[in-house]
Amino acid sequence: MQVEEIVIDYTECVENAPSGKTWNIQNFGPIPSSDVRTSFRSGSPSQQPRWQTVNETVKGRTDPNRICTLEFEIPNNLPAPVFFYYRLTNFYQNHRRYVKSVDERQLKGQAVTLNALKGSDACSPLISDSETGKPYYPCGLIANSLFNDTFSHPLWITTNNGLNDETYIMTDKGIAWESDRKRYKKSSYKNSDVMPPPNWRKHFPDGYTDENPIPDLSQMEGFQVWMRTAGLPTFSKLARKNTTSPMLKGTYYVNITDSTLYPAVGVLCMGD
């Protein structure tokens, strides 16, 4: 009874939203009403949510970033805490083989050898890179399927002409359970010892290097949230939060860099 929320399914954004080379406030198109659900104490927003896409060229990459911008209205002030979730459907994190495909020694920072990984078979079938023979870090199916769409802080437009705006800061710190954060330590591997999992190659095209080193999983709370597998095929996971400042009514924009291989739903969920 205390929760207010707006739910926007952006699965079809890249395919169906108006697109351009640069962001343009005049280039938005309406999001189908079937892809939006709201629940606010003051009733439905007066404006229908809209979207647009921009393809951003990234140095060193052949494929551009696909950026989906969502425009939506918050019809009344929302007291803290404010939570930003993403939601997936038909993703079976509870599959037995998937749940078992992880090596706890790696997560605790140990430089586990290839033979030791193969001996335990914990990360099967994603243990090592076939070309280099090096172990994957982090190995296994759960880590390889990490949801990696990225979300900007909501941008609050304070005037109708869009010339004045304020950023509503939402942090990705403190989103994982404390018990989960204790599960991870900085890796003892050297960059040359291991390879990123197959689905991480977009962000590590040359493997792990001094310029783009092995990530510190103890600081990646989004990864920690993902690694706590869901029990049902439709689930939401916390991406950001603000526990101190209210979200004032008005029009907001959120940029989503669409990097993942499966559809997702962006969920702004609010409650006091």
C-alpha atoms as a PDB file:
ATOM      1  CA  MET A   1       0.000   0.000   0.000  1.00  0.00           C
ATOM      2  CA  GLN A   2       2.958   2.346   0.497  1.00  0.00           C
ATOM      3  CA  VAL A   3       4.768   1.545  -2.757  1.00  0.00           C
ATOM      4  CA  GLU A   4       4.469   3.812  -5.802  1.00  0.00           C
ATOM      5  CA  GLU A   5       6.076   2.823  -9.053  1.00  0.00           C
ATOM      6  CA  ILE A   6       6.455   3.237 -12.780  1.00  0.00           C
ATOM      7  CA  VAL A   7       7.385   0.187 -14.853  1.00  0.00           C
ATOM      8  CA  ILE A   8       8.619   0.614 -18.439  1.00  0.00           C
ATOM      9  CA  ASP A   9       9.377  -2.341 -20.697  1.00  0.00           C
ATOM     10  CA  TYR A  10      12.168  -1.119 -22.993  1.00  0.00           C
ATOM     11  CA  THR A  11      12.731  -4.462 -24.749  1.00  0.00           C
ATOM     12  CA  GLU A  12      11.691  -3.043 -28.132  1.00  0.00           C
ATOM     13  CA  CYS A  13      13.263   0.391 -27.707  1.00  0.00           C
ATOM     14  CA  VAL A  14      16.168  -0.057 -30.103  1.00  0.00           C
ATOM     15  CA  GLU A  15      13.924  -1.592 -32.784  1.00  0.00           C
ATOM     16  CA  ASN A  16      10.851   0.654 -32.474  1.00  0.00           C
ATOM     17  CA  ALA A  17      11.826   4.017 -30.970  1.00  0.00           C
ATOM     18  CA  PRO A  18      12.721   6.978 -33.224  1.00  0.00           C
ATOM     19  CA  SER A  19      16.469   7.003 -33.819  1.00  0.00           C
ATOM     20  CA  GLY A  20      19.065   9.592 -34.721  1.00  0.00           C
ATOM     21  CA  LYS A  21      22.769  10.337 -34.714  1.00  0.00           C
ATOM     22  CA  THR A  22      22.448  12.681 -31.712  1.00  0.00           C
ATOM     23  CA  TRP A  23      20.043  13.117 -28.829  1.00  0.00           C
ATOM     24  CA  ASN A  24      17.187  15.487 -29.675  1.00  0.00           C
ATOM     25  CA  ILE A  25      14.390  16.468 -27.323  1.00  0.00           C
ATOM     26  CA  GLN A  26      12.108  16.824 -30.367  1.00  0.00           C
ATOM     27  CA  ASN A  27      12.793  13.273 -31.549  1.00  0.00           C
ATOM     28  CA  PHE A  28      10.859  11.289 -28.965  1.00  0.00           C
ATOM     29  CA  GLY A  29       8.048   8.909 -29.852  1.00  0.00           C
ATOM     30  CA  PRO A  30       5.346   7.440 -27.578  1.00  0.00           C
ATOM     31  CA  ILE A  31       5.967   4.182 -25.787  1.00  0.00           C
ATOM     32  CA  PRO A  32       3.059   1.745 -26.350  1.00  0.00           C
ATOM     33  CA  SER A  33       0.701   1.795 -23.383  1.00  0.00           C
ATOM     34  CA  SER A  34       1.028  -1.991 -23.139  1.00  0.00           C
ATOM     35  CA  ASP A  35       4.706  -1.481 -22.182  1.00  0.00           C
ATOM     36  CA  VAL A  36       3.981   0.912 -19.302  1.00  0.00           C
ATOM     37  CA  ARG A  37       2.440   0.378 -15.890  1.00  0.00           C
ATOM     38  CA  THR A  38       2.102   3.013 -13.161  1.00  0.00           C
ATOM     39  CA  SER A  39       0.841   3.208  -9.615  1.00  0.00           C
ATOM     40  CA  PHE A  40       0.923   6.619  -7.903  1.00  0.00           C
ATOM     41  CA  ARG A  41      -1.165   8.031  -5.072  1.00  0.00           C
ATOM     42  CA  SER A  42      -2.100  11.066  -7.200  1.00  0.00           C
ATOM     43  CA  GLY A  43      -3.238   8.925 -10.119  1.00  0.00           C
ATOM     44  CA  SER A  44      -1.776   8.327 -13.555  1.00  0.00           C
ATOM     45  CA  PRO A  45       0.805  10.727 -15.042  1.00  0.00           C
ATOM     46  CA  SER A  46      -0.649  13.333 -17.400  1.00  0.00           C
ATOM     47  CA  GLN A  47       1.991  12.602 -20.064  1.00  0.00           C
ATOM     48  CA  GLN A  48       2.547   9.294 -21.832  1.00  0.00           C
ATOM     49  CA  PRO A  49       6.160   8.048 -21.484  1.00  0.00           C
ATOM     50  CA  ARG A  50       8.274   8.434 -24.644  1.00  0.00           C
ATOM     51  CA  TRP A  51      11.557   7.070 -25.983  1.00  0.00           C
ATOM     52  CA  GLN A  52      14.256   7.516 -28.607  1.00  0.00           C
ATOM     53  CA  THR A  53      17.550   5.824 -29.503  1.00  0.00           C
ATOM     54  CA  VAL A  54      21.027   7.009 -30.461  1.00  0.00           C
ATOM     55  CA  ASN A  55      23.886   4.884 -31.813  1.00  0.00           C
ATOM     56  CA  GLU A  56      27.105   6.025 -30.152  1.00  0.00           C
ATOM     57  CA  THR A  57      30.427   5.205 -31.835  1.00  0.00           C
ATOM     58  CA  VAL A  58      32.995   3.842 -29.380  1.00  0.00           C
ATOM     59  CA  LYS A  59      36.717   3.991 -30.089  1.00  0.00           C
ATOM     60  CA  GLY A  60      38.223   0.562 -30.664  1.00  0.00           C
ATOM     61  CA  ARG A  61      34.888  -1.141 -31.280  1.00  0.00           C
ATOM     62  CA  THR A  62      33.191  -2.110 -34.534  1.00  0.00           C
ATOM     63  CA  ASP A  63      29.687  -2.159 -33.042  1.00  0.00           C
ATOM     64  CA  PRO A  64      28.195   1.061 -31.630  1.00  0.00           C
ATOM     65  CA  ASN A  65      26.607   1.504 -28.245  1.00  0.00           C
ATOM     66  CA  ARG A  66      22.840   1.512 -28.588  1.00  0.00           C
ATOM     67  CA  ILE A  67      21.510   4.129 -26.198  1.00  0.00           C
ATOM     68  CA  CYS A  68      17.810   4.167 -25.370  1.00  0.00           C
ATOM     69  CA  THR A  69      16.513   7.309 -23.662  1.00  0.00           C
ATOM     70  CA  LEU A  70      13.291   7.050 -21.687  1.00  0.00           C
ATOM     71  CA  GLU A  71      11.199  10.128 -20.859  1.00  0.00           C
ATOM     72  CA  PHE A  72       8.611   9.743 -18.117  1.00  0.00           C
ATOM     73  CA  GLU A  73       6.664  11.809 -15.626  1.00  0.00           C
ATOM     74  CA  ILE A  74       6.543  11.443 -11.851  1.00  0.00           C
ATOM     75  CA  PRO A  75       3.146  12.997 -10.938  1.00  0.00           C
ATOM     76  CA  ASN A  76       3.842  13.598  -7.238  1.00  0.00           C
ATOM     77  CA  ASN A  77       6.826  13.907  -4.913  1.00  0.00           C
ATOM     78  CA  LEU A  78       8.214  10.537  -3.871  1.00  0.00           C
ATOM     79  CA  PRO A  79       9.782  10.271  -0.428  1.00  0.00           C
ATOM     80  CA  ALA A  80      13.007   8.361   0.033  1.00  0.00           C
ATOM     81  CA  PRO A  81      13.942   5.578  -0.320  1.00  0.00           C
ATOM     82  CA  VAL A  82      13.688   5.358  -4.109  1.00  0.00           C
ATOM     83  CA  PHE A  83      14.796   2.152  -5.827  1.00  0.00           C
ATOM     84  CA  PHE A  84      15.682   1.437  -9.464  1.00  0.00           C
ATOM     85  CA  TYR A  85      15.281  -2.199 -10.536  1.00  0.00           C
ATOM     86  CA  TYR A  86      15.655  -4.103 -13.780  1.00  0.00           C
ATOM     87  CA  ARG A  87      13.375  -7.035 -14.491  1.00  0.00           C
ATOM     88  CA  LEU A  88      13.903 -10.113 -16.644  1.00  0.00           C
ATOM     89  CA  THR A  89      11.390 -12.698 -17.803  1.00  0.00           C
ATOM     90  CA  ASN A  90      11.872 -16.298 -18.956  1.00  0.00           C
ATOM     91  CA  PHE A  91      15.425 -16.392 -17.597  1.00  0.00           C
ATOM     92  CA  TYR A  92      15.956 -19.568 -15.605  1.00  0.00           C
ATOM     93  CA  GLN A  93      18.651 -18.760 -13.062  1.00  0.00           C
ATOM     94  CA  ASN A  94      17.316 -21.676 -11.018  1.00  0.00           C
ATOM     95  CA  HIS A  95      18.471 -24.297 -13.544  1.00  0.00           C
ATOM     96  CA  ARG A  96      20.627 -26.840 -11.699  1.00  0.00           C
ATOM     97  CA  ARG A  97      23.543 -26.722 -14.143  1.00  0.00           C
ATOM     98  CA  TYR A  98      23.502 -22.908 -14.167  1.00  0.00           C
ATOM     99  CA  VAL A  99      23.459 -22.558 -10.369  1.00  0.00           C
ATOM    100  CA  LYS A 100      26.439 -24.922 -10.000  1.00  0.00           C
ATOM    101  CA  SER A 101      28.545 -23.168 -12.654  1.00  0.00           C
ATOM    102  CA  VAL A 102      30.735 -20.965 -10.409  1.00  0.00           C
ATOM    103  CA  ASP A 103      33.989 -21.351  -8.479  1.00  0.00           C
ATOM    104  CA  GLU A 104      33.856 -19.926  -4.969  1.00  0.00           C
ATOM    105  CA  ARG A 105      37.660 -19.924  -4.676  1.00  0.00           C
ATOM    106  CA  GLN A 106      37.929 -17.494  -7.564  1.00  0.00           C
ATOM    107  CA  LEU A 107      35.311 -15.212  -6.000  1.00  0.00           C
ATOM    108  CA  LYS A 108      37.328 -15.174  -2.774  1.00  0.00           C
ATOM    109  CA  GLY A 109      40.346 -13.865  -4.680  1.00  0.00           C
ATOM    110  CA  GLN A 110      42.347 -17.065  -5.078  1.00  0.00           C
ATOM    111  CA  ALA A 111      44.341 -17.523  -8.312  1.00  0.00           C
ATOM    112  CA  VAL A 112      42.942 -20.989  -9.016  1.00  0.00           C
ATOM    113  CA  THR A 113      44.947 -22.916 -11.628  1.00  0.00           C
ATOM    114  CA  LEU A 114      43.403 -24.356 -14.765  1.00  0.00           C
ATOM    115  CA  ASN A 115      44.002 -27.902 -13.560  1.00  0.00           C
ATOM    116  CA  ALA A 116      42.308 -27.157 -10.272  1.00  0.00           C
ATOM    117  CA  LEU A 117      39.302 -25.665 -12.053  1.00  0.00           C
ATOM    118  CA  LYS A 118      39.021 -28.663 -14.348  1.00  0.00           C
ATOM    119  CA  GLY A 119      39.474 -31.000 -11.414  1.00  0.00           C
ATOM    120  CA  SER A 120      36.525 -29.567  -9.531  1.00  0.00           C
ATOM    121  CA  ASP A 121      34.409 -29.076 -12.692  1.00  0.00           C
ATOM    122  CA  ALA A 122      32.658 -26.276 -10.784  1.00  0.00           C
ATOM    123  CA  CYS A 123      32.563 -23.824 -13.706  1.00  0.00           C
ATOM    124  CA  SER A 124      31.590 -26.332 -16.387  1.00  0.00           C
ATOM    125  CA  PRO A 125      31.064 -25.742 -19.265  1.00  0.00           C
ATOM    126  CA  LEU A 126      32.830 -22.314 -19.209  1.00  0.00           C
ATOM    127  CA  ILE A 127      36.182 -23.095 -17.596  1.00  0.00           C
ATOM    128  CA  SER A 128      38.826 -21.912 -20.053  1.00  0.00           C
ATOM    129  CA  ASP A 129      39.365 -20.073 -23.329  1.00  0.00           C
ATOM    130  CA  SER A 130      39.802 -22.491 -26.235  1.00  0.00           C
ATOM    131  CA  GLU A 131      42.246 -20.247 -28.143  1.00  0.00           C
ATOM    132  CA  THR A 132      44.657 -19.295 -25.360  1.00  0.00           C
ATOM    133  CA  GLY A 133      44.061 -22.160 -22.945  1.00  0.00           C
ATOM    134  CA  LYS A 134      43.816 -19.665 -20.078  1.00  0.00           C
ATOM    135  CA  PRO A 135      41.134 -19.930 -17.384  1.00  0.00           C
ATOM    136  CA  TYR A 136      38.173 -17.599 -17.535  1.00  0.00           C
ATOM    137  CA  TYR A 137      37.886 -15.064 -14.747  1.00  0.00           C
ATOM    138  CA  PRO A 138      35.288 -15.120 -13.454  1.00  0.00           C
ATOM    139  CA  CYS A 139      34.455 -18.539 -14.835  1.00  0.00           C
ATOM    140  CA  GLY A 140      31.074 -20.198 -15.177  1.00  0.00           C
ATOM    141  CA  LEU A 141      27.636 -19.615 -16.642  1.00  0.00           C
ATOM    142  CA  ILE A 142      26.345 -17.171 -14.015  1.00  0.00           C
ATOM    143  CA  ALA A 143      29.177 -14.696 -14.447  1.00  0.00           C
ATOM    144  CA  ASN A 144      29.181 -15.020 -18.241  1.00  0.00           C
ATOM    145  CA  SER A 145      25.485 -14.088 -18.447  1.00  0.00           C
ATOM    146  CA  LEU A 146      25.877 -10.972 -16.274  1.00  0.00           C
ATOM    147  CA  PHE A 147      23.197  -8.399 -17.087  1.00  0.00           C
ATOM    148  CA  ASN A 148      25.219  -5.432 -18.300  1.00  0.00           C
ATOM    149  CA  ASP A 149      22.811  -2.792 -19.562  1.00  0.00           C
ATOM    150  CA  THR A 150      23.841   0.441 -17.868  1.00  0.00           C
ATOM    151  CA  PHE A 151      21.570   3.176 -16.541  1.00  0.00           C
ATOM    152  CA  SER A 152      22.273   6.867 -16.137  1.00  0.00           C
ATOM    153  CA  HIS A 153      21.131   8.901 -13.163  1.00  0.00           C
ATOM    154  CA  PRO A 154      17.612  10.250 -13.804  1.00  0.00           C
ATOM    155  CA  LEU A 155      17.760  13.779 -15.191  1.00  0.00           C
ATOM    156  CA  TRP A 156      14.989  16.039 -13.872  1.00  0.00           C
ATOM    157  CA  ILE A 157      13.836  18.763 -16.256  1.00  0.00           C
ATOM    158  CA  THR A 158      12.795  21.800 -14.177  1.00  0.00           C
ATOM    159  CA  THR A 159      11.431  23.935 -17.047  1.00  0.00           C
ATOM    160  CA  ASN A 160       9.269  23.160 -20.059  1.00  0.00           C
ATOM    161  CA  ASN A 161      11.932  24.173 -22.554  1.00  0.00           C
ATOM    162  CA  GLY A 162      14.422  21.693 -21.120  1.00  0.00           C
ATOM    163  CA  LEU A 163      17.128  24.316 -20.608  1.00  0.00           C
ATOM    164  CA  ASN A 164      17.373  23.778 -16.850  1.00  0.00           C
ATOM    165  CA  ASP A 165      17.870  20.372 -15.353  1.00  0.00           C
ATOM    166  CA  GLU A 166      19.085  18.631 -12.223  1.00  0.00           C
ATOM    167  CA  THR A 167      20.495  15.137 -11.765  1.00  0.00           C
ATOM    168  CA  TYR A 168      18.780  12.866  -9.285  1.00  0.00           C
ATOM    169  CA  ILE A 169      21.734  10.906  -7.908  1.00  0.00           C
ATOM    170  CA  MET A 170      21.207   7.174  -7.441  1.00  0.00           C
ATOM    171  CA  THR A 171      24.061   5.016  -6.191  1.00  0.00           C
ATOM    172  CA  ASP A 172      24.979   1.424  -6.983  1.00  0.00           C
ATOM    173  CA  LYS A 173      26.713   1.109  -3.604  1.00  0.00           C
ATOM    174  CA  GLY A 174      24.927  -0.729  -0.825  1.00  0.00           C
ATOM    175  CA  ILE A 175      22.625  -2.596  -3.222  1.00  0.00           C
ATOM    176  CA  ALA A 176      24.019  -6.059  -2.429  1.00  0.00           C
ATOM    177  CA  TRP A 177      23.335  -7.953   0.759  1.00  0.00           C
ATOM    178  CA  GLU A 178      26.102  -7.627   3.344  1.00  0.00           C
ATOM    179  CA  SER A 179      26.462 -11.414   3.404  1.00  0.00           C
ATOM    180  CA  ASP A 180      27.000 -11.372  -0.367  1.00  0.00           C
ATOM    181  CA  ARG A 181      29.612  -8.601  -0.212  1.00  0.00           C
ATOM    182  CA  LYS A 182      31.690 -10.761   2.152  1.00  0.00           C
ATOM    183  CA  ARG A 183      31.775 -13.466  -0.518  1.00  0.00           C
ATOM    184  CA  TYR A 184      34.114 -11.465  -2.808  1.00  0.00           C
ATOM    185  CA  LYS A 185      37.778 -10.441  -2.617  1.00  0.00           C
ATOM    186  CA  LYS A 186      40.115  -8.758  -5.072  1.00  0.00           C
ATOM    187  CA  SER A 187      41.666 -11.331  -7.415  1.00  0.00           C
ATOM    188  CA  SER A 188      45.247 -12.562  -7.019  1.00  0.00           C
ATOM    189  CA  TYR A 189      45.470 -13.322 -10.745  1.00  0.00           C
ATOM    190  CA  LYS A 190      47.727 -11.278 -12.987  1.00  0.00           C
ATOM    191  CA  ASN A 191      46.164  -9.770 -16.120  1.00  0.00           C
ATOM    192  CA  SER A 192      48.092 -12.213 -18.310  1.00  0.00           C
ATOM    193  CA  ASP A 193      46.939 -15.259 -16.308  1.00  0.00           C
ATOM    194  CA  VAL A 194      43.292 -15.292 -17.319  1.00  0.00           C
ATOM    195  CA  MET A 195      40.780 -14.291 -19.990  1.00  0.00           C
ATOM    196  CA  PRO A 196      37.408 -12.531 -19.626  1.00  0.00           C
ATOM    197  CA  PRO A 197      34.332 -14.730 -20.170  1.00  0.00           C
ATOM    198  CA  PRO A 198      32.969 -14.764 -23.751  1.00  0.00           C
ATOM    199  CA  ASN A 199      30.154 -12.282 -23.092  1.00  0.00           C
ATOM    200  CA  TRP A 200      32.574  -9.848 -21.411  1.00  0.00           C
ATOM    201  CA  ARG A 201      34.705  -9.443 -24.545  1.00  0.00           C
ATOM    202  CA  LYS A 202      32.788  -6.367 -25.659  1.00  0.00           C
ATOM    203  CA  HIS A 203      34.203  -4.509 -22.669  1.00  0.00           C
ATOM    204  CA  PHE A 204      37.572  -6.306 -22.705  1.00  0.00           C
ATOM    205  CA  PRO A 205      38.251  -6.757 -26.463  1.00  0.00           C
ATOM    206  CA  ASP A 206      42.001  -7.288 -25.899  1.00  0.00           C
ATOM    207  CA  GLY A 207      41.582  -9.420 -22.807  1.00  0.00           C
ATOM    208  CA  TYR A 208      42.767  -8.085 -19.463  1.00  0.00           C
ATOM    209  CA  THR A 209      45.518  -5.496 -19.884  1.00  0.00           C
ATOM    210  CA  ASP A 210      47.265  -2.851 -17.792  1.00  0.00           C
ATOM    211  CA  GLU A 211      44.979  -0.257 -19.371  1.00  0.00           C
ATOM    212  CA  ASN A 212      41.853  -2.388 -18.896  1.00  0.00           C
ATOM    213  CA  PRO A 213      42.695  -4.688 -15.982  1.00  0.00           C
ATOM    214  CA  ILE A 214      40.932  -7.488 -14.170  1.00  0.00           C
ATOM    215  CA  PRO A 215      37.878  -6.000 -12.416  1.00  0.00           C
ATOM    216  CA  ASP A 216      37.738  -6.002  -8.639  1.00  0.00           C
ATOM    217  CA  LEU A 217      34.627  -8.074  -7.933  1.00  0.00           C
ATOM    218  CA  SER A 218      34.599  -6.953  -4.303  1.00  0.00           C
ATOM    219  CA  GLN A 219      33.659  -3.461  -5.555  1.00  0.00           C
ATOM    220  CA  MET A 220      31.152  -4.585  -8.209  1.00  0.00           C
ATOM    221  CA  GLU A 221      27.905  -4.762  -6.279  1.00  0.00           C
ATOM    222  CA  GLY A 222      25.862  -5.070  -9.464  1.00  0.00           C
ATOM    223  CA  PHE A 223      27.790  -8.265 -10.188  1.00  0.00           C
ATOM    224  CA  GLN A 224      27.215  -9.459  -6.625  1.00  0.00           C
ATOM    225  CA  VAL A 225      23.466  -8.882  -6.966  1.00  0.00           C
ATOM    226  CA  TRP A 226      23.447 -10.852 -10.231  1.00  0.00           C
ATOM    227  CA  MET A 227      25.360 -13.756  -8.719  1.00  0.00           C
ATOM    228  CA  ARG A 228      22.605 -14.295  -6.128  1.00  0.00           C
ATOM    229  CA  THR A 229      20.506 -16.459  -8.433  1.00  0.00           C
ATOM    230  CA  ALA A 230      16.746 -15.985  -8.586  1.00  0.00           C
ATOM    231  CA  GLY A 231      14.336 -18.806  -7.791  1.00  0.00           C
ATOM    232  CA  LEU A 232      11.761 -17.937 -10.465  1.00  0.00           C
ATOM    233  CA  PRO A 233      12.103 -17.215 -14.212  1.00  0.00           C
ATOM    234  CA  THR A 234      10.639 -13.703 -13.800  1.00  0.00           C
ATOM    235  CA  PHE A 235      12.638 -11.630 -11.348  1.00  0.00           C
ATOM    236  CA  SER A 236      13.756  -8.110 -10.479  1.00  0.00           C
ATOM    237  CA  LYS A 237      17.200  -7.099  -9.283  1.00  0.00           C
ATOM    238  CA  LEU A 238      18.212  -3.845  -7.639  1.00  0.00           C
ATOM    239  CA  ALA A 239      20.427  -1.620  -9.827  1.00  0.00           C
ATOM    240  CA  ARG A 240      20.490   1.741  -7.993  1.00  0.00           C
ATOM    241  CA  LYS A 241      18.941   3.492  -5.032  1.00  0.00           C
ATOM    242  CA  ASN A 242      18.638   6.805  -3.218  1.00  0.00           C
ATOM    243  CA  THR A 243      17.823   6.505   0.474  1.00  0.00           C
ATOM    244  CA  THR A 244      18.154  10.164   1.488  1.00  0.00           C
ATOM    245  CA  SER A 245      16.549  12.514  -1.056  1.00  0.00           C
ATOM    246  CA  PRO A 246      12.955  12.655  -2.307  1.00  0.00           C
ATOM    247  CA  MET A 247      12.293  12.368  -6.021  1.00  0.00           C
ATOM    248  CA  LEU A 248      10.363  15.517  -6.878  1.00  0.00           C
ATOM    249  CA  LYS A 249       7.464  15.467  -9.289  1.00  0.00           C
ATOM    250  CA  GLY A 250       8.238  16.380 -12.881  1.00  0.00           C
ATOM    251  CA  THR A 251       9.652  14.996 -16.113  1.00  0.00           C
ATOM    252  CA  TYR A 252      12.726  12.762 -16.039  1.00  0.00           C
ATOM    253  CA  TYR A 253      15.072  11.222 -18.578  1.00  0.00           C
ATOM    254  CA  VAL A 254      17.099   8.025 -18.167  1.00  0.00           C
ATOM    255  CA  ASN A 255      19.717   6.838 -20.679  1.00  0.00           C
ATOM    256  CA  ILE A 256      20.094   3.076 -21.027  1.00  0.00           C
ATOM    257  CA  THR A 257      23.100   1.647 -22.836  1.00  0.00           C
ATOM    258  CA  ASP A 258      21.680  -1.527 -24.320  1.00  0.00           C
ATOM    259  CA  SER A 259      24.495  -4.062 -24.065  1.00  0.00           C
ATOM    260  CA  THR A 260      22.815  -7.258 -23.037  1.00  0.00           C
ATOM    261  CA  LEU A 261      21.716 -10.232 -25.126  1.00  0.00           C
ATOM    262  CA  TYR A 262      18.226 -10.629 -23.684  1.00  0.00           C
ATOM    263  CA  PRO A 263      15.181  -8.372 -23.118  1.00  0.00           C
ATOM    264  CA  ALA A 264      14.727  -6.393 -19.943  1.00  0.00           C
ATOM    265  CA  VAL A 265      12.287  -4.145 -18.176  1.00  0.00           C
ATOM    266  CA  GLY A 266      13.361  -0.979 -16.385  1.00  0.00           C
ATOM    267  CA  VAL A 267      11.532  -0.547 -13.112  1.00  0.00           C
ATOM    268  CA  LEU A 268      11.483   2.564 -10.962  1.00  0.00           C
ATOM    269  CA  CYS A 269       9.993   1.401  -7.683  1.00  0.00           C
ATOM    270  CA  MET A 270       9.370   3.872  -4.884  1.00  0.00           C
ATOM    271  CA  GLY A 271       8.130   3.554  -1.326  1.00  0.00           C
ATOM    272  CA  ASP A 272       8.561   5.147   2.059  1.00  0.00           C
END
